[in-house]
C-alpha atoms as a PDB file:
ATOM      1  CA  MET A   1      -5.196 -12.507  15.687  1.00  0.00           C
ATOM      2  CA  MET A   2      -9.635 -12.890  14.470  1.00  0.00           C
ATOM      3  CA  HIS A   3     -11.716 -14.773  16.257  1.00  0.00           C
ATOM      4  CA  GLY A   4     -11.983 -18.080  14.602  1.00  0.00           C
ATOM      5  CA  SER A   5      -9.239 -17.573  12.001  1.00  0.00           C
ATOM      6  CA  VAL A   6      -6.091 -20.165  11.511  1.00  0.00           C
ATOM      7  CA  VAL A   7      -2.912 -19.289  11.163  1.00  0.00           C
ATOM      8  CA  SER A   8      -0.408 -20.799   8.435  1.00  0.00           C
ATOM      9  CA  PRO A   9       2.676 -20.151   7.910  1.00  0.00           C
ATOM     10  CA  MET A  10       3.845 -19.184   4.175  1.00  0.00           C
ATOM     11  CA  PRO A  11       7.668 -19.623   3.057  1.00  0.00           C
ATOM     12  CA  THR A  12       9.337 -16.375   2.339  1.00  0.00           C
ATOM     13  CA  GLY A  13      13.115 -17.770   1.828  1.00  0.00           C
ATOM     14  CA  PHE A  14      16.032 -18.280   4.514  1.00  0.00           C
ATOM     15  CA  GLY A  15      13.580 -20.514   6.807  1.00  0.00           C
ATOM     16  CA  ARG A  16      11.474 -17.261   7.623  1.00  0.00           C
ATOM     17  CA  PRO A  17       7.554 -17.115   7.466  1.00  0.00           C
ATOM     18  CA  ALA A  18       5.213 -14.903   6.919  1.00  0.00           C
ATOM     19  CA  TRP A  19       1.685 -15.694   8.403  1.00  0.00           C
ATOM     20  CA  ARG A  20      -1.641 -15.856   6.261  1.00  0.00           C
ATOM     21  CA  HIS A  21      -4.945 -16.176   8.090  1.00  0.00           C
ATOM     22  CA  THR A  22      -6.487 -18.726   6.120  1.00  0.00           C
ATOM     23  CA  ALA A  23     -10.233 -17.824   7.388  1.00  0.00           C
ATOM     24  CA  SER A  24     -10.906 -14.238   8.293  1.00  0.00           C
ATOM     25  CA  ALA A  25     -13.334 -11.818   7.299  1.00  0.00           C
ATOM     26  CA  HIS A  26     -11.080 -10.851   4.566  1.00  0.00           C
ATOM     27  CA  ARG A  27     -11.140 -13.897   2.925  1.00  0.00           C
ATOM     28  CA  GLY A  28     -14.307 -15.138   0.826  1.00  0.00           C
ATOM     29  CA  SER A  29     -15.632 -18.915   1.236  1.00  0.00           C
ATOM     30  CA  ALA A  30     -16.110 -18.807  -2.452  1.00  0.00           C
ATOM     31  CA  CYS A  31     -11.951 -18.995  -3.053  1.00  0.00           C
ATOM     32  CA  PRO A  32     -10.274 -21.756  -1.936  1.00  0.00           C
ATOM     33  CA  VAL A  33      -6.885 -20.936   0.410  1.00  0.00           C
ATOM     34  CA  GLN A  34      -3.723 -20.863  -1.963  1.00  0.00           C
ATOM     35  CA  ALA A  35      -0.217 -21.495  -0.324  1.00  0.00           C
ATOM     36  CA  MET A  36       1.087 -18.740  -3.284  1.00  0.00           C
ATOM     37  CA  MET A  37      -1.301 -15.505  -3.133  1.00  0.00           C
ATOM     38  CA  LYS A  38      -1.923 -14.613  -6.674  1.00  0.00           C
ATOM     39  CA  GLY A  39      -2.020 -11.142  -8.053  1.00  0.00           C
ATOM     40  CA  PHE A  40      -3.391  -9.256 -11.479  1.00  0.00           C
ATOM     41  CA  ILE A  41      -1.785  -6.739 -12.696  1.00  0.00           C
ATOM     42  CA  SER A  42      -4.360  -4.569 -15.395  1.00  0.00           C
ATOM     43  CA  TYR A  43      -2.771  -2.100 -17.231  1.00  0.00           C
ATOM     44  CA  ALA A  44      -2.681  -0.047 -21.345  1.00  0.00           C
ATOM     45  CA  HIS A  45      -0.033  -1.700 -23.355  1.00  0.00           C
ATOM     46  CA  LYS A  46       1.005   2.224 -23.655  1.00  0.00           C
ATOM     47  CA  ASP A  47       2.210   1.831 -20.172  1.00  0.00           C
ATOM     48  CA  HIS A  48       4.525  -1.382 -20.873  1.00  0.00           C
ATOM     49  CA  ALA A  49       7.555   0.080 -19.322  1.00  0.00           C
ATOM     50  CA  VAL A  50       5.517   1.591 -16.440  1.00  0.00           C
ATOM     51  CA  LEU A  51       4.398  -1.977 -15.799  1.00  0.00           C
ATOM     52  CA  GLU A  52       8.369  -3.262 -16.275  1.00  0.00           C
ATOM     53  CA  ARG A  53       9.672  -0.810 -13.723  1.00  0.00           C
ATOM     54  CA  LEU A  54       7.190  -1.682 -11.396  1.00  0.00           C
ATOM     55  CA  LEU A  55       7.391  -4.942 -11.545  1.00  0.00           C
ATOM     56  CA  GLU A  56      11.357  -4.582  -9.995  1.00  0.00           C
ATOM     57  CA  HIS A  57      10.258  -2.649  -7.373  1.00  0.00           C
ATOM     58  CA  LEU A  58       7.265  -5.426  -6.704  1.00  0.00           C
ATOM     59  CA  ARG A  59       9.425  -8.461  -6.554  1.00  0.00           C
ATOM     60  CA  PRO A  60      11.041  -8.364  -3.122  1.00  0.00           C
ATOM     61  CA  MET A  61       7.710  -7.758  -1.752  1.00  0.00           C
ATOM     62  CA  GLU A  62       6.449 -10.942  -3.830  1.00  0.00           C
ATOM     63  CA  ARG A  63       9.152 -13.060  -2.038  1.00  0.00           C
ATOM     64  CA  THR A  64       8.113 -11.887   1.529  1.00  0.00           C
ATOM     65  CA  LEU A  65       4.732 -12.134   1.028  1.00  0.00           C
ATOM     66  CA  HIS A  66       4.596 -15.318  -1.429  1.00  0.00           C
ATOM     67  CA  LEU A  67       2.472 -13.742  -3.955  1.00  0.00           C
ATOM     68  CA  THR A  68       2.740 -13.377  -7.658  1.00  0.00           C
ATOM     69  CA  PHE A  69       1.477 -11.277 -10.106  1.00  0.00           C
ATOM     70  CA  TRP A  70       0.107 -12.357 -13.291  1.00  0.00           C
ATOM     71  CA  HIS A  71       0.230  -9.886 -16.445  1.00  0.00           C
ATOM     72  CA  ASP A  72      -0.609 -10.680 -20.428  1.00  0.00           C
ATOM     73  CA  LYS A  73       2.708 -10.828 -20.921  1.00  0.00           C
ATOM     74  CA  HIS A  74       2.788 -14.378 -19.553  1.00  0.00           C
ATOM     75  CA  ILE A  75      -0.080 -15.650 -21.896  1.00  0.00           C
ATOM     76  CA  ASP A  76       1.801 -18.127 -24.489  1.00  0.00           C
ATOM     77  CA  ALA A  77       1.404 -17.703 -28.215  1.00  0.00           C
ATOM     78  CA  GLY A  78      -1.356 -19.982 -29.077  1.00  0.00           C
ATOM     79  CA  HIS A  79      -3.336 -18.840 -26.253  1.00  0.00           C
ATOM     80  CA  ARG A  80      -6.796 -17.017 -26.697  1.00  0.00           C
ATOM     81  CA  TRP A  81      -5.733 -13.593 -24.911  1.00  0.00           C
ATOM     82  CA  ASN A  82      -9.255 -12.795 -23.468  1.00  0.00           C
ATOM     83  CA  ASP A  83      -9.569 -16.604 -22.144  1.00  0.00           C
ATOM     84  CA  GLU A  84      -6.185 -16.540 -20.590  1.00  0.00           C
ATOM     85  CA  ILE A  85      -7.134 -13.191 -18.742  1.00  0.00           C
ATOM     86  CA  GLU A  86     -10.318 -13.798 -17.540  1.00  0.00           C
ATOM     87  CA  LYS A  87      -8.629 -17.299 -15.856  1.00  0.00           C
ATOM     88  CA  ALA A  88      -5.880 -14.990 -14.433  1.00  0.00           C
ATOM     89  CA  ILE A  89      -8.455 -12.463 -13.202  1.00  0.00           C
ATOM     90  CA  ASP A  90     -10.607 -15.321 -11.338  1.00  0.00           C
ATOM     91  CA  ALA A  91      -7.795 -16.847  -9.803  1.00  0.00           C
ATOM     92  CA  ALA A  92      -6.555 -13.369  -8.045  1.00  0.00           C
ATOM     93  CA  GLU A  93      -7.284 -11.865  -4.560  1.00  0.00           C
ATOM     94  CA  VAL A  94      -4.989  -8.761  -5.428  1.00  0.00           C
ATOM     95  CA  PHE A  95      -5.836  -6.496  -8.359  1.00  0.00           C
ATOM     96  CA  ILE A  96      -2.948  -3.469  -9.069  1.00  0.00           C
ATOM     97  CA  LEU A  97      -4.573  -0.987 -11.917  1.00  0.00           C
ATOM     98  CA  LEU A  98      -2.191   0.979 -13.400  1.00  0.00           C
ATOM     99  CA  ALA A  99      -4.122   4.086 -14.309  1.00  0.00           C
ATOM    100  CA  SER A 100      -3.324   6.044 -17.113  1.00  0.00           C
ATOM    101  CA  PRO A 101      -5.221   8.036 -19.978  1.00  0.00           C
ATOM    102  CA  ALA A 102      -4.670   4.971 -22.102  1.00  0.00           C
ATOM    103  CA  PHE A 103      -5.808   2.914 -19.326  1.00  0.00           C
ATOM    104  CA  MET A 104      -9.139   4.842 -18.910  1.00  0.00           C
ATOM    105  CA  ALA A 105      -9.438   5.269 -22.929  1.00  0.00           C
ATOM    106  CA  SER A 106      -9.018   1.340 -23.218  1.00  0.00           C
ATOM    107  CA  PRO A 107     -12.518  -0.022 -23.966  1.00  0.00           C
ATOM    108  CA  PHE A 108     -11.131  -3.656 -23.010  1.00  0.00           C
ATOM    109  CA  ILE A 109     -10.089  -2.676 -19.351  1.00  0.00           C
ATOM    110  CA  VAL A 110     -12.928  -0.508 -18.881  1.00  0.00           C
ATOM    111  CA  GLY A 111     -15.714  -2.572 -20.725  1.00  0.00           C
ATOM    112  CA  LYS A 112     -14.339  -6.245 -19.602  1.00  0.00           C
ATOM    113  CA  GLU A 113     -11.004  -6.214 -17.264  1.00  0.00           C
ATOM    114  CA  ILE A 114     -12.846  -3.900 -14.684  1.00  0.00           C
ATOM    115  CA  PRO A 115     -16.176  -5.339 -14.081  1.00  0.00           C
ATOM    116  CA  ALA A 116     -14.368  -8.592 -13.841  1.00  0.00           C
ATOM    117  CA  ILE A 117     -12.064  -7.256 -11.498  1.00  0.00           C
ATOM    118  CA  LYS A 118     -14.910  -5.968  -9.408  1.00  0.00           C
ATOM    119  CA  LYS A 119     -16.948  -9.260  -9.394  1.00  0.00           C
ATOM    120  CA  GLN A 120     -13.785 -10.903  -8.449  1.00  0.00           C
ATOM    121  CA  ARG A 121     -13.022  -8.605  -5.488  1.00  0.00           C
ATOM    122  CA  ARG A 122     -16.432  -9.381  -4.132  1.00  0.00           C
ATOM    123  CA  LYS A 123     -16.743 -12.688  -4.520  1.00  0.00           C
ATOM    124  CA  CYS A 124     -13.178 -13.629  -2.514  1.00  0.00           C
ATOM    125  CA  ARG A 125     -13.142 -10.207  -0.654  1.00  0.00           C
ATOM    126  CA  GLY A 126     -10.142  -9.354  -2.301  1.00  0.00           C
ATOM    127  CA  VAL A 127      -7.896  -6.028  -2.574  1.00  0.00           C
ATOM    128  CA  VAL A 128      -8.060  -3.727  -5.846  1.00  0.00           C
ATOM    129  CA  ILE A 129      -5.085  -0.924  -5.575  1.00  0.00           C
ATOM    130  CA  PRO A 130      -5.274   1.869  -8.715  1.00  0.00           C
ATOM    131  CA  VAL A 131      -1.674   2.889  -9.155  1.00  0.00           C
ATOM    132  CA  LEU A 132      -1.485   6.383 -10.510  1.00  0.00           C
ATOM    133  CA  VAL A 133       0.693   6.379 -13.717  1.00  0.00           C
ATOM    134  CA  ARG A 134      -0.034   9.545 -15.345  1.00  0.00           C
ATOM    135  CA  ALA A 135      -2.721  12.413 -14.620  1.00  0.00           C
ATOM    136  CA  CYS A 136      -5.825  10.926 -16.312  1.00  0.00           C
ATOM    137  CA  ALA A 137     -10.040  10.653 -15.030  1.00  0.00           C
ATOM    138  CA  TRP A 138      -9.198   7.684 -12.831  1.00  0.00           C
ATOM    139  CA  GLN A 139     -11.725   9.178 -10.494  1.00  0.00           C
ATOM    140  CA  LEU A 140     -14.651   8.132 -12.974  1.00  0.00           C
ATOM    141  CA  GLU A 141     -14.033   4.458 -12.832  1.00  0.00           C
ATOM    142  CA  LEU A 142     -12.168   3.809  -9.493  1.00  0.00           C
ATOM    143  CA  GLY A 143     -12.684   6.820  -7.267  1.00  0.00           C
ATOM    144  CA  ALA A 144     -14.554   4.834  -4.514  1.00  0.00           C
ATOM    145  CA  ILE A 145     -10.879   3.492  -4.185  1.00  0.00           C
ATOM    146  CA  GLN A 146      -7.246   4.930  -2.536  1.00  0.00           C
ATOM    147  CA  ALA A 147      -4.974   5.268  -5.174  1.00  0.00           C
ATOM    148  CA  VAL A 148      -1.290   5.317  -4.525  1.00  0.00           C
ATOM    149  CA  PRO A 149       1.284   6.588  -4.520  1.00  0.00           C
ATOM    150  CA  ARG A 150       0.452   9.247  -1.579  1.00  0.00           C
ATOM    151  CA  GLY A 151       2.158  11.690  -0.607  1.00  0.00           C
ATOM    152  CA  LYS A 152       1.624  14.845   1.784  1.00  0.00           C
ATOM    153  CA  ASP A 153      -0.841  16.154  -0.372  1.00  0.00           C
ATOM    154  CA  GLY A 154      -2.818  13.157  -1.722  1.00  0.00           C
ATOM    155  CA  ALA A 155      -2.413  10.692  -4.400  1.00  0.00           C
ATOM    156  CA  TRP A 156      -0.330  12.159  -6.971  1.00  0.00           C
ATOM    157  CA  PRO A 157       0.830  10.203 -10.411  1.00  0.00           C
ATOM    158  CA  ILE A 158       4.257   8.834 -10.811  1.00  0.00           C
ATOM    159  CA  GLU A 159       5.263  10.852 -13.492  1.00  0.00           C
ATOM    160  CA  ARG A 160       4.944  13.525 -11.135  1.00  0.00           C
ATOM    161  CA  TRP A 161       7.836  11.991  -8.432  1.00  0.00           C
ATOM    162  CA  ASN A 162      10.778  13.805  -8.530  1.00  0.00           C
ATOM    163  CA  PRO A 163      12.996  11.526  -8.596  1.00  0.00           C
ATOM    164  CA  ARG A 164      10.536   9.224 -10.077  1.00  0.00           C
ATOM    165  CA  ASN A 165      12.015   6.379  -8.232  1.00  0.00           C
ATOM    166  CA  ASP A 166      10.796   7.396  -5.281  1.00  0.00           C
ATOM    167  CA  GLY A 167       6.971   7.456  -6.691  1.00  0.00           C
ATOM    168  CA  TYR A 168       7.679   3.775  -7.790  1.00  0.00           C
ATOM    169  CA  ASP A 169       8.978   2.613  -4.247  1.00  0.00           C
ATOM    170  CA  THR A 170       6.480   4.898  -2.391  1.00  0.00           C
ATOM    171  CA  ALA A 171       3.792   3.105  -4.235  1.00  0.00           C
ATOM    172  CA  ARG A 172       5.398  -0.443  -3.493  1.00  0.00           C
ATOM    173  CA  GLN A 173       5.464   0.856  -0.008  1.00  0.00           C
ATOM    174  CA  GLN A 174       1.586   1.650   0.081  1.00  0.00           C
ATOM    175  CA  ILE A 175       0.873  -1.349  -1.862  1.00  0.00           C
ATOM    176  CA  ASP A 176       2.847  -3.711   0.684  1.00  0.00           C
ATOM    177  CA  THR A 177       0.851  -2.386   3.577  1.00  0.00           C
ATOM    178  CA  ALA A 178      -2.429  -2.606   2.077  1.00  0.00           C
ATOM    179  CA  ILE A 179      -1.867  -6.070   1.130  1.00  0.00           C
ATOM    180  CA  CYS A 180      -0.567  -7.291   4.562  1.00  0.00           C
ATOM    181  CA  LYS A 181      -3.434  -5.195   6.447  1.00  0.00           C
ATOM    182  CA  HIS A 182      -6.383  -6.354   3.900  1.00  0.00           C
ATOM    183  CA  PHE A 183      -5.277 -10.072   4.549  1.00  0.00           C
ATOM    184  CA  GLY A 184      -4.044  -9.801   8.073  1.00  0.00           C
ATOM    185  CA  LEU A 185      -0.234 -10.892   6.991  1.00  0.00           C
ATOM    186  CA  ARG A 186       2.891 -10.295   9.038  1.00  0.00           C
ATOM    187  CA  PRO A 187       5.996 -10.247   6.501  1.00  0.00           C
ATOM    188  CA  ARG A 188       9.169 -11.261   8.162  1.00  0.00           C
ATOM    189  CA  GLN A 189      12.107  -9.679   7.637  1.00  0.00           C
ATOM    190  CA  ARG A 190      15.554 -11.656   7.046  1.00  0.00           C
ATOM    191  CA  GLN A 191      17.681 -12.203   9.581  1.00  0.00           C
ATOM    192  CA  TRP A 192      21.523 -11.992   8.868  1.00  0.00           C
END
């Protein structure tokens, strides 16, 4: 445990807590500690099928880490999508970026979302994790950040994994590990 940290239990189901440091070197004082950690997923609409498939792999992790991921499909009719995206970024501590040619070509993602995510990451000392969907020039915007999924030869786009499900699951495992290390979490396994 880090010096000066306070540890608080967070329910994960079946009465088994995950432990989250509420005041650590990774948490900025400008962001209140929340019982439910929030994440934001940035993606190009062309990659909606990839988003849905990745979310299937992330849902068990959401339960064990008491984390919820927001994406723009949560915007209700009649709401201003730009305002809703800004609010979601401002509330998030974990950022998943689905890097693809469409992602990198999007003026909104590159000009609005990425700068807002960088600002929020610094403010809350959050974590940003690029997920390589398809081969693209992701290093131009995100190159200083380690991407997933990683195999023995480095980061490799999900589209090149065979079977593709292994790419999604490897990304999920590496996202889980990155979040736990960054925030000092220790998820508990469910007991049978």
